[in-house]
């Protein structure tokens, strides 16, 4: 443990940020998992799929905006999710 007062405060802030970032990353994983489950369900109405995607994209964008994940990581996650949704969607010609 550091002896200098400012360093002690830095460590405390770092731990708080770490917990906050961990929670946000966990939330992203949870929403992605839920969205993937809805997308994989063949009986899911398109409205449910759209809502799940919207919520997940919102959570990812918020994490990027707060600096928790890199912009390319956010884009990659959204892209992979959308790609799955398009592949799972029934093709109507």
N, C-alpha and C. Protein backbone atom coordinates (compact mmCIF):
# COMPACT_ATOMS: atom_id res chain seq x y z
N UNK A 1 0.86 -1.19 0.00
CA UNK A 1 0.00 0.00 0.00
C UNK A 1 0.89 1.24 0.00
N UNK A 2 0.56 2.22 -0.83
CA UNK A 2 1.40 3.43 -0.90
C UNK A 2 1.28 4.29 0.36
N UNK A 3 2.31 5.11 0.58
CA UNK A 3 2.32 6.00 1.74
C UNK A 3 1.88 7.40 1.40
N UNK A 4 2.04 7.80 0.15
CA UNK A 4 1.73 9.17 -0.26
C UNK A 4 0.21 9.32 -0.42
N UNK A 5 -0.30 10.43 0.14
CA UNK A 5 -1.74 10.63 0.21
C UNK A 5 -2.38 10.66 -1.18
N UNK A 6 -1.76 11.35 -2.13
CA UNK A 6 -2.34 11.46 -3.47
C UNK A 6 -2.33 10.10 -4.18
N UNK A 7 -1.32 9.30 -3.93
CA UNK A 7 -1.25 7.98 -4.55
C UNK A 7 -2.30 7.05 -3.94
N UNK A 8 -2.54 7.19 -2.66
CA UNK A 8 -3.59 6.42 -1.99
C UNK A 8 -4.94 6.75 -2.64
N UNK A 9 -5.18 8.03 -2.89
CA UNK A 9 -6.41 8.47 -3.54
C UNK A 9 -6.49 7.93 -4.97
N UNK A 10 -5.37 7.92 -5.67
CA UNK A 10 -5.33 7.39 -7.04
C UNK A 10 -5.70 5.91 -7.06
N UNK A 11 -5.17 5.16 -6.10
CA UNK A 11 -5.47 3.73 -6.02
C UNK A 11 -6.96 3.53 -5.76
N UNK A 12 -7.51 4.34 -4.86
CA UNK A 12 -8.93 4.23 -4.53
C UNK A 12 -9.79 4.53 -5.77
N UNK A 13 -9.43 5.60 -6.47
CA UNK A 13 -10.17 5.96 -7.70
C UNK A 13 -10.05 4.85 -8.75
N UNK A 14 -8.86 4.31 -8.87
CA UNK A 14 -8.62 3.24 -9.85
C UNK A 14 -9.49 2.03 -9.55
N UNK A 15 -9.60 1.67 -8.28
CA UNK A 15 -10.43 0.52 -7.90
C UNK A 15 -11.91 0.79 -8.20
N UNK A 16 -12.35 2.02 -7.91
CA UNK A 16 -13.75 2.37 -8.20
C UNK A 16 -14.03 2.30 -9.69
N UNK A 17 -13.11 2.84 -10.49
CA UNK A 17 -13.27 2.81 -11.95
C UNK A 17 -13.27 1.38 -12.46
N UNK A 18 -12.38 0.57 -11.89
CA UNK A 18 -12.29 -0.83 -12.29
C UNK A 18 -13.62 -1.54 -12.07
N UNK A 19 -14.22 -1.32 -10.90
CA UNK A 19 -15.51 -1.95 -10.60
C UNK A 19 -16.60 -1.46 -11.55
N UNK A 20 -16.59 -0.16 -11.83
CA UNK A 20 -17.59 0.43 -12.73
C UNK A 20 -17.42 -0.14 -14.14
N UNK A 21 -16.17 -0.23 -14.59
CA UNK A 21 -15.90 -0.75 -15.92
C UNK A 21 -16.27 -2.23 -16.02
N UNK A 22 -15.96 -2.98 -14.98
CA UNK A 22 -16.30 -4.40 -14.94
C UNK A 22 -17.81 -4.58 -15.06
N UNK A 23 -18.56 -3.77 -14.32
CA UNK A 23 -20.02 -3.87 -14.34
C UNK A 23 -20.55 -3.56 -15.74
N UNK A 24 -20.00 -2.54 -16.38
CA UNK A 24 -20.45 -2.16 -17.72
C UNK A 24 -20.13 -3.26 -18.73
N UNK A 25 -18.95 -3.86 -18.63
CA UNK A 25 -18.58 -4.94 -19.55
C UNK A 25 -19.47 -6.16 -19.34
N UNK A 26 -19.79 -6.43 -18.09
CA UNK A 26 -20.68 -7.54 -17.78
C UNK A 26 -22.07 -7.29 -18.36
N UNK A 27 -22.52 -6.05 -18.27
CA UNK A 27 -23.83 -5.68 -18.81
C UNK A 27 -23.85 -5.89 -20.32
N UNK A 28 -22.76 -5.51 -20.99
CA UNK A 28 -22.67 -5.71 -22.44
C UNK A 28 -22.81 -7.20 -22.75
N UNK A 29 -22.05 -8.02 -22.03
CA UNK A 29 -22.09 -9.47 -22.28
C UNK A 29 -23.49 -10.03 -22.06
N UNK A 30 -24.17 -9.57 -21.02
CA UNK A 30 -25.52 -10.05 -20.72
C UNK A 30 -26.48 -9.69 -21.84
N UNK A 31 -26.45 -8.44 -22.29
CA UNK A 31 -27.35 -8.00 -23.35
C UNK A 31 -27.05 -8.70 -24.67
N UNK A 32 -25.77 -8.92 -24.97
CA UNK A 32 -25.40 -9.63 -26.19
C UNK A 32 -25.92 -11.06 -26.14
N UNK A 33 -25.77 -11.69 -24.98
CA UNK A 33 -26.24 -13.07 -24.83
C UNK A 33 -27.76 -13.15 -25.02
N UNK A 34 -28.49 -12.19 -24.44
CA UNK A 34 -29.95 -12.16 -24.58
C UNK A 34 -30.34 -11.94 -26.04
N UNK A 35 -29.66 -11.01 -26.70
CA UNK A 35 -29.97 -10.71 -28.10
C UNK A 35 -29.69 -11.93 -28.98
N UNK A 36 -28.58 -12.60 -28.73
CA UNK A 36 -28.23 -13.79 -29.53
C UNK A 36 -29.27 -14.89 -29.32
N UNK A 37 -29.79 -15.01 -28.10
CA UNK A 37 -30.81 -16.02 -27.82
C UNK A 37 -32.10 -15.70 -28.59
N UNK A 38 -32.48 -14.43 -28.61
CA UNK A 38 -33.70 -14.02 -29.34
C UNK A 38 -33.50 -14.24 -30.84
N UNK A 39 -32.32 -13.89 -31.34
CA UNK A 39 -32.04 -14.06 -32.77
C UNK A 39 -32.06 -15.54 -33.15
N UNK A 40 -31.52 -16.39 -32.30
CA UNK A 40 -31.45 -17.82 -32.60
C UNK A 40 -32.81 -18.50 -32.52
N UNK A 41 -33.77 -17.91 -31.81
CA UNK A 41 -35.10 -18.50 -31.67
C UNK A 41 -35.88 -18.30 -32.96
N UNK A 42 -36.20 -19.39 -33.68
CA UNK A 42 -36.90 -19.23 -34.97
C UNK A 42 -38.33 -18.72 -34.81
N UNK A 43 -38.93 -18.90 -33.65
CA UNK A 43 -40.31 -18.45 -33.45
C UNK A 43 -40.43 -17.04 -32.91
N UNK A 44 -39.29 -16.36 -32.73
CA UNK A 44 -39.33 -15.00 -32.15
C UNK A 44 -39.88 -14.01 -33.17
N UNK A 45 -40.83 -13.17 -32.75
CA UNK A 45 -41.35 -12.16 -33.67
C UNK A 45 -40.27 -11.13 -34.02
N UNK A 46 -40.33 -10.59 -35.21
CA UNK A 46 -39.32 -9.59 -35.62
C UNK A 46 -39.25 -8.38 -34.69
N UNK A 47 -40.38 -8.04 -34.08
CA UNK A 47 -40.40 -6.89 -33.16
C UNK A 47 -39.51 -7.16 -31.94
N UNK A 48 -39.54 -8.39 -31.44
CA UNK A 48 -38.70 -8.77 -30.29
C UNK A 48 -37.23 -8.73 -30.66
N UNK A 49 -36.93 -9.21 -31.86
CA UNK A 49 -35.54 -9.20 -32.33
C UNK A 49 -35.06 -7.76 -32.45
N UNK A 50 -35.88 -6.90 -33.04
CA UNK A 50 -35.50 -5.50 -33.21
C UNK A 50 -35.29 -4.81 -31.87
N UNK A 51 -36.16 -5.11 -30.91
CA UNK A 51 -36.04 -4.50 -29.59
C UNK A 51 -34.76 -4.97 -28.88
N UNK A 52 -34.48 -6.25 -28.97
CA UNK A 52 -33.27 -6.79 -28.34
C UNK A 52 -32.02 -6.18 -28.96
N UNK A 53 -32.02 -6.06 -30.28
CA UNK A 53 -30.88 -5.44 -30.97
C UNK A 53 -30.73 -3.98 -30.55
N UNK A 54 -31.83 -3.27 -30.49
CA UNK A 54 -31.80 -1.86 -30.13
C UNK A 54 -31.23 -1.65 -28.72
N UNK A 55 -31.70 -2.46 -27.79
CA UNK A 55 -31.21 -2.34 -26.41
C UNK A 55 -29.73 -2.67 -26.33
N UNK A 56 -29.31 -3.70 -27.02
CA UNK A 56 -27.91 -4.12 -26.98
C UNK A 56 -27.00 -3.07 -27.59
N UNK A 57 -27.41 -2.53 -28.74
CA UNK A 57 -26.62 -1.49 -29.39
C UNK A 57 -26.52 -0.26 -28.50
N UNK A 58 -27.60 0.05 -27.81
CA UNK A 58 -27.60 1.20 -26.90
C UNK A 58 -26.59 1.00 -25.76
N UNK A 59 -26.58 -0.19 -25.18
CA UNK A 59 -25.65 -0.49 -24.09
C UNK A 59 -24.20 -0.41 -24.58
N UNK A 60 -23.96 -0.96 -25.78
CA UNK A 60 -22.60 -0.93 -26.35
C UNK A 60 -22.17 0.51 -26.61
N UNK A 61 -23.07 1.30 -27.19
CA UNK A 61 -22.74 2.70 -27.49
C UNK A 61 -22.45 3.51 -26.22
N UNK A 62 -23.22 3.25 -25.17
CA UNK A 62 -22.99 3.96 -23.91
C UNK A 62 -21.62 3.61 -23.32
N UNK A 63 -21.26 2.34 -23.41
CA UNK A 63 -19.95 1.91 -22.90
C UNK A 63 -18.83 2.57 -23.69
N UNK A 64 -19.02 2.68 -25.00
CA UNK A 64 -18.01 3.34 -25.83
C UNK A 64 -17.93 4.82 -25.49
N UNK A 65 -19.08 5.44 -25.31
CA UNK A 65 -19.12 6.87 -25.01
C UNK A 65 -18.43 7.19 -23.69
N UNK A 66 -18.54 6.28 -22.72
CA UNK A 66 -17.90 6.48 -21.42
C UNK A 66 -16.42 6.09 -21.43
N UNK A 67 -15.96 5.55 -22.56
CA UNK A 67 -14.55 5.19 -22.66
C UNK A 67 -14.22 3.83 -22.06
N UNK A 68 -15.23 3.01 -21.88
CA UNK A 68 -15.01 1.70 -21.27
C UNK A 68 -14.50 0.71 -22.31
N UNK A 69 -15.04 0.82 -23.54
CA UNK A 69 -14.51 0.00 -24.62
C UNK A 69 -14.11 0.90 -25.79
N UNK A 70 -13.20 0.43 -26.58
CA UNK A 70 -12.68 1.18 -27.73
C UNK A 70 -13.76 1.28 -28.80
N UNK A 71 -13.70 2.32 -29.61
CA UNK A 71 -14.73 2.52 -30.64
C UNK A 71 -14.75 1.37 -31.64
N UNK A 72 -13.58 0.82 -31.97
CA UNK A 72 -13.55 -0.30 -32.91
C UNK A 72 -14.12 -1.57 -32.29
N UNK A 73 -13.91 -1.73 -31.00
CA UNK A 73 -14.47 -2.89 -30.30
C UNK A 73 -16.00 -2.78 -30.29
N UNK A 74 -16.51 -1.58 -30.06
CA UNK A 74 -17.96 -1.36 -30.07
C UNK A 74 -18.52 -1.64 -31.46
N UNK A 75 -17.85 -1.13 -32.48
CA UNK A 75 -18.29 -1.35 -33.86
C UNK A 75 -18.26 -2.83 -34.22
N UNK A 76 -17.21 -3.52 -33.80
CA UNK A 76 -17.08 -4.95 -34.09
C UNK A 76 -18.20 -5.74 -33.43
N UNK A 77 -18.50 -5.44 -32.18
CA UNK A 77 -19.56 -6.16 -31.47
C UNK A 77 -20.92 -5.94 -32.13
N UNK A 78 -21.20 -4.69 -32.49
CA UNK A 78 -22.47 -4.38 -33.15
C UNK A 78 -22.55 -5.04 -34.52
N UNK A 79 -21.44 -5.02 -35.25
CA UNK A 79 -21.40 -5.61 -36.58
C UNK A 79 -21.68 -7.11 -36.53
N UNK A 80 -21.04 -7.79 -35.60
CA UNK A 80 -21.22 -9.24 -35.48
C UNK A 80 -22.66 -9.58 -35.10
N UNK A 81 -23.25 -8.74 -34.24
CA UNK A 81 -24.62 -8.98 -33.82
C UNK A 81 -25.59 -8.77 -34.99
N UNK A 82 -25.38 -7.70 -35.75
CA UNK A 82 -26.24 -7.41 -36.90
C UNK A 82 -26.08 -8.50 -37.97
N UNK A 83 -24.86 -8.96 -38.15
CA UNK A 83 -24.60 -10.01 -39.13
C UNK A 83 -25.39 -11.28 -38.78
N UNK A 84 -25.40 -11.62 -37.49
CA UNK A 84 -26.16 -12.78 -37.04
C UNK A 84 -27.65 -12.58 -37.28
N UNK A 85 -28.13 -11.37 -36.99
CA UNK A 85 -29.55 -11.08 -37.15
C UNK A 85 -29.98 -11.20 -38.61
N UNK A 86 -29.14 -10.70 -39.52
CA UNK A 86 -29.46 -10.76 -40.94
C UNK A 86 -29.45 -12.21 -41.43
N UNK A 87 -28.47 -12.99 -40.98
CA UNK A 87 -28.40 -14.38 -41.39
C UNK A 87 -29.56 -15.21 -40.87
N UNK A 88 -30.03 -14.88 -39.67
CA UNK A 88 -31.11 -15.66 -39.05
C UNK A 88 -32.48 -15.21 -39.55
N UNK A 89 -32.57 -14.02 -40.12
CA UNK A 89 -33.86 -13.49 -40.57
C UNK A 89 -34.36 -14.32 -41.75
N UNK A 90 -35.67 -14.58 -41.77
CA UNK A 90 -36.22 -15.32 -42.92
C UNK A 90 -36.13 -14.45 -44.18
N UNK A 91 -35.60 -15.04 -45.23
CA UNK A 91 -35.45 -14.29 -46.47
C UNK A 91 -36.73 -14.36 -47.27
N UNK A 92 -37.28 -13.18 -47.53
CA UNK A 92 -38.49 -13.11 -48.34
C UNK A 92 -38.13 -12.48 -49.67
N UNK A 93 -38.51 -13.13 -50.73
CA UNK A 93 -38.16 -12.62 -52.07
C UNK A 93 -39.36 -12.10 -52.78
